Amino acid sequence: MKPIYILSGKIQTGKTTQLMYWAASQKNIDGVFQPVINDKRFIYHLSSRTLKQLETDQKKNVTSIGKFNFSNAAFEWARNVLLDCLEKDLDWLIIDEVGPLELEGKGLEPAVSKIISERDKIKAKIICVVRDKILEKFLIHYKLNENFEMFNTAQI
């Protein structure tokens, strides 16, 4: 099976920013980022340049984790964006980020599982952003064993 590329690091250390700068210099790339803008998390679709607010103060139609509420509509949109990427002839596909919600089957799931399980059917190399604290759980959850490579934008 093709390896999954993983960009990992501590919370709020610039993983998304670093990857966004790298992605800006690439061709034939798509996926989603979850940047924090004015202390709120958003979802940004790379190819359409669409930005949707993910973190919300709403109490309805949300997924909550800790003190954070996330828009289910924004997650649904992002899942569809990612699944649409399976039909494209890409070199790179970015999934930012796979976190605790995804490990519970929420957030960007089931799109993440589908992409990872079908990675040999697509041309794209897949980059997942994963916090260092859950990296081991991520590898076990998605049954990656040794089928991954750590990604460093400076190396590519």
Protein backbone atom coordinates (compact mmCIF):
# COMPACT_ATOMS: atom_id res chain seq x y z
CA MET A 1 0.00 0.00 0.00
CA LYS A 2 1.08 3.57 -0.64
CA PRO A 3 2.30 5.36 2.47
CA ILE A 4 0.40 8.17 4.12
CA TYR A 5 2.52 11.29 4.69
CA ILE A 6 2.12 12.78 8.15
CA LEU A 7 2.92 16.30 9.29
CA SER A 8 2.93 16.21 13.07
CA GLY A 9 3.73 18.58 15.88
CA LYS A 10 2.40 20.19 19.02
CA ILE A 11 -0.81 22.25 19.13
CA GLN A 12 -0.46 25.82 17.80
CA THR A 13 3.09 25.38 16.47
CA GLY A 14 2.39 26.41 12.87
CA LYS A 15 1.73 23.06 11.19
CA THR A 16 -1.14 24.41 9.11
CA THR A 17 0.66 27.66 8.26
CA GLN A 18 3.81 25.79 7.22
CA LEU A 19 1.82 23.40 5.04
CA MET A 20 -0.21 26.24 3.47
CA TYR A 21 3.01 28.01 2.43
CA TRP A 22 4.36 24.79 0.97
CA ALA A 23 1.08 24.03 -0.85
CA ALA A 24 1.04 27.50 -2.43
CA SER A 25 4.17 26.56 -4.41
CA GLN A 26 2.76 23.23 -5.62
CA LYS A 27 0.78 22.37 -8.71
CA ASN A 28 -2.00 19.80 -8.97
CA ILE A 29 -2.83 19.85 -5.27
CA ASP A 30 -6.12 19.96 -3.38
CA GLY A 31 -7.60 19.33 0.03
CA VAL A 32 -8.62 21.18 3.16
CA PHE A 33 -6.84 23.20 5.82
CA GLN A 34 -8.14 24.21 9.24
CA PRO A 35 -6.52 27.58 9.93
CA VAL A 36 -7.23 29.60 13.06
CA ILE A 37 -8.25 33.16 12.18
CA ASN A 38 -9.04 35.68 14.91
CA ASP A 39 -9.11 32.85 17.47
CA LYS A 40 -11.70 30.82 15.52
CA ARG A 41 -11.08 27.67 13.49
CA PHE A 42 -12.10 27.71 9.82
CA ILE A 43 -12.03 25.21 6.98
CA TYR A 44 -10.32 26.33 3.79
CA HIS A 45 -10.70 24.43 0.52
CA LEU A 46 -7.51 24.80 -1.45
CA SER A 47 -8.65 24.61 -5.07
CA SER A 48 -11.83 26.69 -4.76
CA ARG A 49 -10.25 29.06 -2.22
CA THR A 50 -13.43 28.82 -0.17
CA LEU A 51 -13.28 29.62 3.54
CA LYS A 52 -16.02 28.45 5.90
CA GLN A 53 -16.21 29.07 9.62
CA LEU A 54 -15.94 25.78 11.49
CA GLU A 55 -15.79 26.90 15.11
CA THR A 56 -19.07 28.46 16.17
CA ASP A 57 -20.90 29.94 19.13
CA GLN A 58 -24.09 28.22 17.99
CA LYS A 59 -25.55 25.47 20.16
CA LYS A 60 -27.60 23.64 17.49
CA ASN A 61 -26.33 21.39 14.71
CA VAL A 62 -22.85 21.30 16.23
CA THR A 63 -20.28 18.75 17.30
CA SER A 64 -18.69 19.63 20.62
CA ILE A 65 -15.35 18.68 22.06
CA GLY A 66 -14.13 20.31 25.23
CA LYS A 67 -15.12 23.97 25.17
CA PHE A 68 -15.35 24.07 21.38
CA ASN A 69 -18.45 23.81 19.16
CA PHE A 70 -17.98 22.99 15.50
CA SER A 71 -20.52 23.44 12.72
CA ASN A 72 -21.84 20.14 11.43
CA ALA A 73 -22.68 21.88 8.13
CA ALA A 74 -19.05 22.99 7.70
CA PHE A 75 -17.84 19.45 8.44
CA GLU A 76 -20.32 18.02 5.92
CA TRP A 77 -19.12 20.46 3.28
CA ALA A 78 -15.47 19.55 4.00
CA ARG A 79 -16.20 15.80 3.84
CA ASN A 80 -17.80 16.29 0.41
CA VAL A 81 -14.83 18.37 -0.74
CA LEU A 82 -12.44 15.59 0.32
CA LEU A 83 -14.51 12.84 -1.30
CA ASP A 84 -14.67 14.87 -4.54
CA CYS A 85 -10.86 14.86 -4.51
CA LEU A 86 -10.93 11.09 -5.01
CA GLU A 87 -12.24 11.74 -8.52
CA LYS A 88 -9.45 14.18 -9.41
CA ASP A 89 -6.07 13.36 -10.93
CA LEU A 90 -4.02 15.05 -8.19
CA ASP A 91 -0.39 14.84 -7.18
CA TRP A 92 -1.12 15.79 -3.55
CA LEU A 93 -4.19 15.64 -1.30
CA ILE A 94 -4.09 17.45 2.05
CA ILE A 95 -6.23 16.55 5.06
CA ASP A 96 -5.76 19.10 7.84
CA GLU A 97 -6.36 17.97 10.43
CA VAL A 98 -7.10 14.47 11.63
CA GLY A 99 -7.79 14.88 15.33
CA PRO A 100 -9.70 13.46 18.28
CA LEU A 101 -13.07 13.93 16.57
CA GLU A 102 -12.02 11.81 13.60
CA LEU A 103 -10.73 9.08 15.91
CA GLU A 104 -14.27 9.01 17.38
CA GLY A 105 -15.84 8.73 13.91
CA LYS A 106 -16.90 12.39 13.81
CA GLY A 107 -15.61 15.56 12.12
CA LEU A 108 -14.13 14.70 8.73
CA GLU A 109 -15.16 11.06 9.06
CA PRO A 110 -16.05 8.90 7.20
CA ALA A 111 -14.23 10.73 4.38
CA VAL A 112 -10.79 10.28 5.99
CA SER A 113 -11.24 6.52 6.36
CA LYS A 114 -12.44 6.19 2.76
CA ILE A 115 -9.48 8.16 1.41
CA ILE A 116 -6.94 6.23 3.47
CA SER A 117 -8.46 2.83 2.62
CA GLU A 118 -8.66 3.65 -1.11
CA ARG A 119 -5.29 5.38 -1.43
CA ASP A 120 -3.93 2.78 -3.82
CA LYS A 121 -6.73 3.60 -6.28
CA ILE A 122 -5.70 7.25 -6.60
CA LYS A 123 -2.58 8.91 -7.92
CA ALA A 124 -2.32 11.54 -5.18
CA LYS A 125 0.08 11.37 -2.29
CA ILE A 126 -1.93 11.99 0.87
CA ILE A 127 -0.72 14.31 3.62
CA CYS A 128 -2.47 14.19 6.99
CA VAL A 129 -1.83 16.76 9.71
CA VAL A 130 -1.89 15.05 13.12
CA ARG A 131 -1.06 16.42 16.56
CA ASP A 132 1.92 14.74 18.17
CA LYS A 133 -0.13 13.73 21.23
CA ILE A 134 -2.46 11.54 19.17
CA LEU A 135 -0.04 10.33 16.49
CA GLU A 136 0.20 6.80 17.90
CA LYS A 137 -3.61 6.56 18.23
CA PHE A 138 -3.93 7.83 14.64
CA LEU A 139 -1.57 5.13 13.34
CA ILE A 140 -3.42 2.38 15.22
CA HIS A 141 -6.90 3.68 14.35
CA TYR A 142 -6.18 3.79 10.62
CA LYS A 143 -4.09 0.59 10.73
CA LEU A 144 -1.07 2.25 9.17
CA ASN A 145 1.58 0.21 11.04
CA GLU A 146 4.71 1.09 9.08
CA ASN A 147 2.78 2.36 6.06
CA PHE A 148 3.51 6.04 6.65
CA GLU A 149 6.26 8.60 6.28
CA MET A 150 6.80 11.70 8.35
CA PHE A 151 6.42 14.77 6.14
CA ASN A 152 8.63 17.82 6.32
CA THR A 153 7.95 20.64 3.86
CA ALA A 154 11.66 21.53 3.83
CA GLN A 155 12.54 18.09 2.41
CA ILE A 156 10.24 18.19 -0.60
